[in-house]
Amino acid sequence: MEKIIINTEFIKLDQLLKYANAVEGGGMAKNVILDGMVRVNEEIVLQRGKKLRNGDIVKFNNEEYIISTEEK
C-alpha cells in the first residue's frame, strides 16, 4: 500500500489518480472512474470529484493508496 501525503483537508479522486501516477492524465482518470474501476473504502465510486480525506483507501489496478495528512 502506497501512502499519499496531502497537506490540504482533502484531495479529489481524479486528482489523486494523477498525483499517484496511476493514470496518464485527467481524461484517463475520468474514464477509469466512470467505468467503475476505482474503489474507495471497498466501494465502487463513480464520482471523479469524490473528496478523499485522511485514512481513505483507494484501490485501482491492483494497487492501494492510503490518504494521509501526516509525514509519518
N, C-alpha and C. Protein backbone atom coordinates (compact mmCIF):
# COMPACT_ATOMS: atom_id res chain seq x y z
N MET A 1 0.84 -1.17 0.00
CA MET A 1 0.00 0.00 0.00
C MET A 1 0.89 1.24 0.00
N GLU A 2 0.60 2.15 -0.90
CA GLU A 2 1.38 3.38 -1.01
C GLU A 2 0.69 4.50 -0.24
N LYS A 3 1.44 5.20 0.59
CA LYS A 3 0.89 6.31 1.35
C LYS A 3 0.99 7.57 0.51
N ILE A 4 -0.14 8.26 0.35
CA ILE A 4 -0.18 9.52 -0.38
C ILE A 4 -0.38 10.62 0.64
N ILE A 5 0.61 11.48 0.77
CA ILE A 5 0.55 12.54 1.78
C ILE A 5 0.02 13.81 1.14
N ILE A 6 -1.02 14.35 1.76
CA ILE A 6 -1.60 15.61 1.29
C ILE A 6 -1.46 16.65 2.39
N ASN A 7 -1.38 17.90 2.01
CA ASN A 7 -1.28 18.96 3.01
C ASN A 7 -2.49 19.88 2.97
N THR A 8 -3.60 19.32 2.47
CA THR A 8 -4.88 20.02 2.44
C THR A 8 -5.90 19.14 3.15
N GLU A 9 -7.11 19.66 3.32
CA GLU A 9 -8.16 18.89 4.00
C GLU A 9 -8.56 17.66 3.21
N PHE A 10 -8.56 17.77 1.88
CA PHE A 10 -8.98 16.66 1.02
C PHE A 10 -8.29 16.77 -0.32
N ILE A 11 -8.39 15.67 -1.10
CA ILE A 11 -7.96 15.67 -2.49
C ILE A 11 -9.06 14.95 -3.27
N LYS A 12 -9.36 15.43 -4.45
CA LYS A 12 -10.41 14.80 -5.25
C LYS A 12 -9.86 13.52 -5.90
N LEU A 13 -10.75 12.57 -6.11
CA LEU A 13 -10.36 11.26 -6.61
C LEU A 13 -9.58 11.33 -7.92
N ASP A 14 -10.06 12.10 -8.88
CA ASP A 14 -9.34 12.17 -10.16
C ASP A 14 -7.96 12.80 -9.98
N GLN A 15 -7.85 13.78 -9.09
CA GLN A 15 -6.56 14.41 -8.82
C GLN A 15 -5.61 13.41 -8.16
N LEU A 16 -6.14 12.60 -7.27
CA LEU A 16 -5.32 11.59 -6.59
C LEU A 16 -4.72 10.61 -7.59
N LEU A 17 -5.54 10.13 -8.52
CA LEU A 17 -5.04 9.18 -9.51
C LEU A 17 -3.92 9.77 -10.35
N LYS A 18 -4.04 11.05 -10.69
CA LYS A 18 -2.98 11.72 -11.45
C LYS A 18 -1.75 11.93 -10.57
N TYR A 19 -1.95 12.38 -9.35
CA TYR A 19 -0.85 12.66 -8.42
C TYR A 19 -0.03 11.40 -8.12
N ALA A 20 -0.72 10.27 -8.01
CA ALA A 20 -0.05 9.00 -7.71
C ALA A 20 0.53 8.33 -8.96
N ASN A 21 0.38 8.98 -10.11
CA ASN A 21 0.83 8.43 -11.40
C ASN A 21 0.17 7.10 -11.72
N ALA A 22 -1.07 6.93 -11.26
CA ALA A 22 -1.82 5.71 -11.55
C ALA A 22 -2.44 5.78 -12.95
N VAL A 23 -2.61 7.01 -13.45
CA VAL A 23 -3.15 7.23 -14.80
C VAL A 23 -2.27 8.25 -15.50
N GLU A 24 -2.41 8.33 -16.81
CA GLU A 24 -1.58 9.23 -17.60
C GLU A 24 -2.07 10.67 -17.58
N GLY A 25 -3.36 10.87 -17.33
CA GLY A 25 -3.88 12.24 -17.34
C GLY A 25 -5.32 12.29 -16.88
N GLY A 26 -5.87 13.49 -16.91
CA GLY A 26 -7.23 13.71 -16.43
C GLY A 26 -8.29 12.95 -17.20
N GLY A 27 -8.12 12.86 -18.51
CA GLY A 27 -9.10 12.13 -19.32
C GLY A 27 -9.14 10.66 -18.96
N MET A 28 -7.97 10.09 -18.76
CA MET A 28 -7.91 8.68 -18.38
C MET A 28 -8.49 8.48 -16.98
N ALA A 29 -8.22 9.41 -16.07
CA ALA A 29 -8.77 9.33 -14.72
C ALA A 29 -10.30 9.32 -14.78
N LYS A 30 -10.85 10.23 -15.56
CA LYS A 30 -12.31 10.31 -15.70
C LYS A 30 -12.86 8.99 -16.22
N ASN A 31 -12.24 8.42 -17.24
CA ASN A 31 -12.74 7.19 -17.84
C ASN A 31 -12.69 6.00 -16.89
N VAL A 32 -11.58 5.82 -16.17
CA VAL A 32 -11.49 4.65 -15.28
C VAL A 32 -12.47 4.78 -14.11
N ILE A 33 -12.71 6.02 -13.67
CA ILE A 33 -13.68 6.22 -12.58
C ILE A 33 -15.08 5.92 -13.08
N LEU A 34 -15.47 6.49 -14.22
CA LEU A 34 -16.81 6.27 -14.76
C LEU A 34 -17.05 4.82 -15.18
N ASP A 35 -15.98 4.09 -15.49
CA ASP A 35 -16.10 2.68 -15.85
C ASP A 35 -16.19 1.77 -14.62
N GLY A 36 -16.17 2.36 -13.43
CA GLY A 36 -16.32 1.57 -12.20
C GLY A 36 -15.07 0.79 -11.83
N MET A 37 -13.91 1.26 -12.24
CA MET A 37 -12.67 0.53 -11.98
C MET A 37 -11.96 0.98 -10.71
N VAL A 38 -12.53 1.95 -9.99
CA VAL A 38 -11.87 2.51 -8.81
C VAL A 38 -12.76 2.29 -7.59
N ARG A 39 -12.13 1.84 -6.49
CA ARG A 39 -12.85 1.65 -5.24
C ARG A 39 -12.28 2.59 -4.18
N VAL A 40 -13.18 3.14 -3.38
CA VAL A 40 -12.78 3.95 -2.22
C VAL A 40 -13.39 3.29 -1.00
N ASN A 41 -12.54 2.88 -0.08
CA ASN A 41 -13.01 2.19 1.14
C ASN A 41 -13.92 1.02 0.79
N GLU A 42 -13.48 0.22 -0.19
CA GLU A 42 -14.15 -1.01 -0.64
C GLU A 42 -15.43 -0.80 -1.45
N GLU A 43 -15.79 0.44 -1.76
CA GLU A 43 -16.99 0.71 -2.55
C GLU A 43 -16.60 1.31 -3.89
N ILE A 44 -17.26 0.84 -4.95
CA ILE A 44 -17.02 1.42 -6.28
C ILE A 44 -17.55 2.85 -6.27
N VAL A 45 -16.73 3.77 -6.74
CA VAL A 45 -17.10 5.18 -6.77
C VAL A 45 -17.10 5.66 -8.21
N LEU A 46 -18.19 6.32 -8.60
CA LEU A 46 -18.31 6.82 -9.97
C LEU A 46 -18.18 8.34 -10.05
N GLN A 47 -17.89 8.99 -8.91
CA GLN A 47 -17.75 10.44 -8.88
C GLN A 47 -16.27 10.81 -8.95
N ARG A 48 -15.87 11.46 -10.02
CA ARG A 48 -14.45 11.80 -10.12
C ARG A 48 -14.08 12.92 -9.16
N GLY A 49 -15.06 13.68 -8.68
CA GLY A 49 -14.81 14.75 -7.72
C GLY A 49 -14.97 14.31 -6.27
N LYS A 50 -15.08 12.99 -6.05
CA LYS A 50 -15.22 12.47 -4.68
C LYS A 50 -14.07 12.99 -3.82
N LYS A 51 -14.41 13.56 -2.66
CA LYS A 51 -13.38 14.11 -1.77
C LYS A 51 -12.80 13.01 -0.91
N LEU A 52 -11.49 12.86 -0.97
CA LEU A 52 -10.78 11.86 -0.18
C LEU A 52 -10.10 12.56 0.98
N ARG A 53 -10.26 11.98 2.16
CA ARG A 53 -9.69 12.59 3.36
C ARG A 53 -8.76 11.61 4.05
N ASN A 54 -8.11 12.07 5.10
CA ASN A 54 -7.16 11.28 5.87
C ASN A 54 -7.75 9.90 6.22
N GLY A 55 -7.03 8.85 5.89
CA GLY A 55 -7.46 7.49 6.21
C GLY A 55 -8.21 6.77 5.11
N ASP A 56 -8.67 7.48 4.09
CA ASP A 56 -9.38 6.83 2.98
C ASP A 56 -8.41 5.94 2.20
N ILE A 57 -8.92 4.81 1.72
CA ILE A 57 -8.12 3.87 0.95
C ILE A 57 -8.70 3.74 -0.45
N VAL A 58 -7.86 3.96 -1.45
CA VAL A 58 -8.27 3.89 -2.85
C VAL A 58 -7.62 2.66 -3.47
N LYS A 59 -8.43 1.87 -4.18
CA LYS A 59 -7.91 0.70 -4.89
C LYS A 59 -8.16 0.89 -6.38
N PHE A 60 -7.09 0.70 -7.16
CA PHE A 60 -7.19 0.80 -8.61
C PHE A 60 -6.06 0.01 -9.24
N ASN A 61 -6.40 -0.82 -10.20
CA ASN A 61 -5.39 -1.54 -10.99
C ASN A 61 -4.43 -2.35 -10.11
N ASN A 62 -5.00 -3.07 -9.16
CA ASN A 62 -4.24 -3.92 -8.22
C ASN A 62 -3.28 -3.14 -7.34
N GLU A 63 -3.49 -1.86 -7.18
CA GLU A 63 -2.68 -1.02 -6.29
C GLU A 63 -3.60 -0.41 -5.24
N GLU A 64 -3.04 -0.15 -4.06
CA GLU A 64 -3.78 0.50 -2.99
C GLU A 64 -3.04 1.76 -2.57
N TYR A 65 -3.82 2.80 -2.34
CA TYR A 65 -3.27 4.08 -1.89
C TYR A 65 -4.03 4.52 -0.66
N ILE A 66 -3.32 4.92 0.39
CA ILE A 66 -3.97 5.43 1.60
C ILE A 66 -3.65 6.91 1.71
N ILE A 67 -4.68 7.69 2.00
CA ILE A 67 -4.53 9.13 2.11
C ILE A 67 -4.07 9.47 3.52
N SER A 68 -3.06 10.30 3.62
CA SER A 68 -2.54 10.68 4.93
C SER A 68 -2.25 12.18 4.95
N THR A 69 -2.51 12.80 6.09
CA THR A 69 -2.21 14.22 6.23
C THR A 69 -0.96 14.43 7.08
N GLU A 70 -0.26 13.34 7.40
CA GLU A 70 0.96 13.47 8.17
C GLU A 70 2.11 12.74 7.50
N GLU A 71 3.31 13.13 7.81
CA GLU A 71 4.50 12.57 7.17
C GLU A 71 4.88 11.20 7.70
N LYS A 72 4.36 10.80 8.83
CA LYS A 72 4.77 9.55 9.50
C LYS A 72 4.41 8.32 8.70
